[in-house]
Amino acid sequence: MNQIEQAKASLRATKPRSQRRAVLERKLVHLMVKQLRLENRKEKSRPTASRTN
């Protein structure tokens, strides 16, 4: 989670519409997707979660 926070902080520090910012945004999105996938996997591993769906 702190990786995402750090990425957001560095995004705020960079100028809007700069090349570096675009790269950082892509990295941030990638981190968030990774985090979501991990959370989804944890949910699926629990037998109760699959039963409620």
N, C-alpha and C. Protein backbone atom coordinates (compact mmCIF):
# COMPACT_ATOMS: atom_id res chain seq x y z
N MET A 1 0.82 -1.21 0.00
CA MET A 1 0.00 0.00 0.00
C MET A 1 0.86 1.26 0.00
N ASN A 2 1.97 1.23 0.73
CA ASN A 2 2.83 2.41 0.79
C ASN A 2 3.47 2.71 -0.56
N GLN A 3 3.63 1.69 -1.40
CA GLN A 3 4.16 1.92 -2.76
C GLN A 3 3.22 2.82 -3.54
N ILE A 4 1.94 2.57 -3.41
CA ILE A 4 0.94 3.37 -4.12
C ILE A 4 0.95 4.80 -3.59
N GLU A 5 1.07 4.95 -2.28
CA GLU A 5 1.13 6.29 -1.68
C GLU A 5 2.34 7.06 -2.18
N GLN A 6 3.48 6.38 -2.25
CA GLN A 6 4.71 7.01 -2.74
C GLN A 6 4.55 7.44 -4.19
N ALA A 7 3.93 6.59 -4.99
CA ALA A 7 3.73 6.91 -6.40
C ALA A 7 2.83 8.14 -6.55
N LYS A 8 1.80 8.21 -5.72
CA LYS A 8 0.89 9.36 -5.76
C LYS A 8 1.63 10.64 -5.38
N ALA A 9 2.48 10.55 -4.37
CA ALA A 9 3.24 11.71 -3.91
C ALA A 9 4.17 12.22 -5.00
N SER A 10 4.85 11.30 -5.67
CA SER A 10 5.77 11.69 -6.75
C SER A 10 5.00 12.26 -7.93
N LEU A 11 3.78 11.77 -8.14
CA LEU A 11 2.94 12.31 -9.21
C LEU A 11 2.59 13.77 -8.94
N ARG A 12 2.26 14.07 -7.69
CA ARG A 12 1.90 15.43 -7.33
C ARG A 12 3.09 16.37 -7.49
N ALA A 13 4.29 15.85 -7.29
CA ALA A 13 5.50 16.67 -7.37
C ALA A 13 5.85 17.03 -8.81
N THR A 14 5.47 16.17 -9.77
CA THR A 14 5.85 16.42 -11.16
C THR A 14 4.89 17.39 -11.84
N LYS A 15 5.39 18.01 -12.89
CA LYS A 15 4.57 18.96 -13.66
C LYS A 15 3.50 18.20 -14.44
N PRO A 16 2.31 18.80 -14.56
CA PRO A 16 1.27 18.16 -15.37
C PRO A 16 1.68 18.09 -16.84
N ARG A 17 1.24 17.02 -17.49
CA ARG A 17 1.49 16.83 -18.92
C ARG A 17 2.96 16.66 -19.29
N SER A 18 3.79 16.25 -18.34
CA SER A 18 5.19 15.99 -18.68
C SER A 18 5.36 14.50 -18.98
N GLN A 19 6.43 14.19 -19.67
CA GLN A 19 6.69 12.80 -20.05
C GLN A 19 6.88 11.93 -18.81
N ARG A 20 7.60 12.49 -17.84
CA ARG A 20 7.88 11.75 -16.62
C ARG A 20 6.59 11.44 -15.87
N ARG A 21 5.68 12.39 -15.87
CA ARG A 21 4.40 12.21 -15.19
C ARG A 21 3.59 11.08 -15.82
N ALA A 22 3.62 11.02 -17.15
CA ALA A 22 2.89 9.97 -17.87
C ALA A 22 3.42 8.59 -17.47
N VAL A 23 4.73 8.50 -17.37
CA VAL A 23 5.36 7.23 -16.98
C VAL A 23 4.96 6.87 -15.56
N LEU A 24 5.00 7.87 -14.67
CA LEU A 24 4.63 7.63 -13.27
C LEU A 24 3.17 7.21 -13.14
N GLU A 25 2.31 7.83 -13.94
CA GLU A 25 0.89 7.48 -13.90
C GLU A 25 0.68 6.03 -14.30
N ARG A 26 1.40 5.61 -15.35
CA ARG A 26 1.29 4.23 -15.80
C ARG A 26 1.74 3.28 -14.71
N LYS A 27 2.83 3.65 -14.03
CA LYS A 27 3.37 2.82 -12.97
C LYS A 27 2.38 2.71 -11.81
N LEU A 28 1.75 3.85 -11.49
CA LEU A 28 0.79 3.90 -10.40
C LEU A 28 -0.42 3.01 -10.70
N VAL A 29 -0.93 3.10 -11.92
CA VAL A 29 -2.06 2.28 -12.32
C VAL A 29 -1.69 0.80 -12.22
N HIS A 30 -0.49 0.47 -12.67
CA HIS A 30 -0.02 -0.90 -12.61
C HIS A 30 0.01 -1.41 -11.17
N LEU A 31 0.51 -0.56 -10.25
CA LEU A 31 0.57 -0.94 -8.84
C LEU A 31 -0.82 -1.17 -8.27
N MET A 32 -1.75 -0.28 -8.62
CA MET A 32 -3.11 -0.40 -8.10
C MET A 32 -3.79 -1.68 -8.61
N VAL A 33 -3.58 -1.98 -9.87
CA VAL A 33 -4.15 -3.20 -10.45
C VAL A 33 -3.58 -4.42 -9.74
N LYS A 34 -2.27 -4.40 -9.50
CA LYS A 34 -1.61 -5.50 -8.81
C LYS A 34 -2.22 -5.69 -7.42
N GLN A 35 -2.43 -4.58 -6.72
CA GLN A 35 -3.02 -4.62 -5.38
C GLN A 35 -4.42 -5.21 -5.42
N LEU A 36 -5.22 -4.78 -6.40
CA LEU A 36 -6.59 -5.28 -6.53
C LEU A 36 -6.60 -6.78 -6.82
N ARG A 37 -5.69 -7.22 -7.69
CA ARG A 37 -5.62 -8.65 -8.03
C ARG A 37 -5.30 -9.47 -6.79
N LEU A 38 -4.37 -8.96 -5.96
CA LEU A 38 -4.02 -9.66 -4.73
C LEU A 38 -5.23 -9.78 -3.81
N GLU A 39 -5.97 -8.68 -3.68
CA GLU A 39 -7.14 -8.69 -2.81
C GLU A 39 -8.21 -9.64 -3.34
N ASN A 40 -8.39 -9.66 -4.66
CA ASN A 40 -9.37 -10.57 -5.26
C ASN A 40 -9.00 -12.02 -5.02
N ARG A 41 -7.70 -12.30 -5.11
CA ARG A 41 -7.24 -13.67 -4.91
C ARG A 41 -7.51 -14.11 -3.47
N LYS A 42 -7.31 -13.19 -2.53
CA LYS A 42 -7.56 -13.50 -1.13
C LYS A 42 -9.04 -13.80 -0.91
N GLU A 43 -9.89 -13.00 -1.55
CA GLU A 43 -11.34 -13.21 -1.42
C GLU A 43 -11.75 -14.57 -1.97
N LYS A 44 -11.19 -14.92 -3.13
CA LYS A 44 -11.55 -16.18 -3.78
C LYS A 44 -11.08 -17.39 -2.98
N SER A 45 -9.95 -17.24 -2.28
CA SER A 45 -9.41 -18.37 -1.53
C SER A 45 -10.30 -18.72 -0.34
N ARG A 46 -11.11 -17.74 0.13
CA ARG A 46 -12.02 -18.00 1.24
C ARG A 46 -13.26 -18.72 0.74
N PRO A 47 -13.60 -19.86 1.33
CA PRO A 47 -14.76 -20.63 0.84
C PRO A 47 -16.08 -19.90 1.04
N THR A 48 -16.19 -19.06 2.07
CA THR A 48 -17.45 -18.36 2.33
C THR A 48 -17.75 -17.32 1.25
N ALA A 49 -16.70 -16.70 0.72
CA ALA A 49 -16.89 -15.67 -0.30
C ALA A 49 -17.49 -16.26 -1.57
N SER A 50 -17.03 -17.44 -1.95
CA SER A 50 -17.54 -18.05 -3.18
C SER A 50 -18.99 -18.51 -3.01
N ARG A 51 -19.36 -18.87 -1.79
CA ARG A 51 -20.71 -19.34 -1.55
C ARG A 51 -21.72 -18.19 -1.59
N THR A 52 -21.33 -17.02 -1.13
CA THR A 52 -22.26 -15.88 -1.10
C THR A 52 -22.54 -15.35 -2.49
N ASN A 53 -21.61 -15.52 -3.42
CA ASN A 53 -21.81 -14.99 -4.78
C ASN A 53 -22.87 -15.76 -5.53
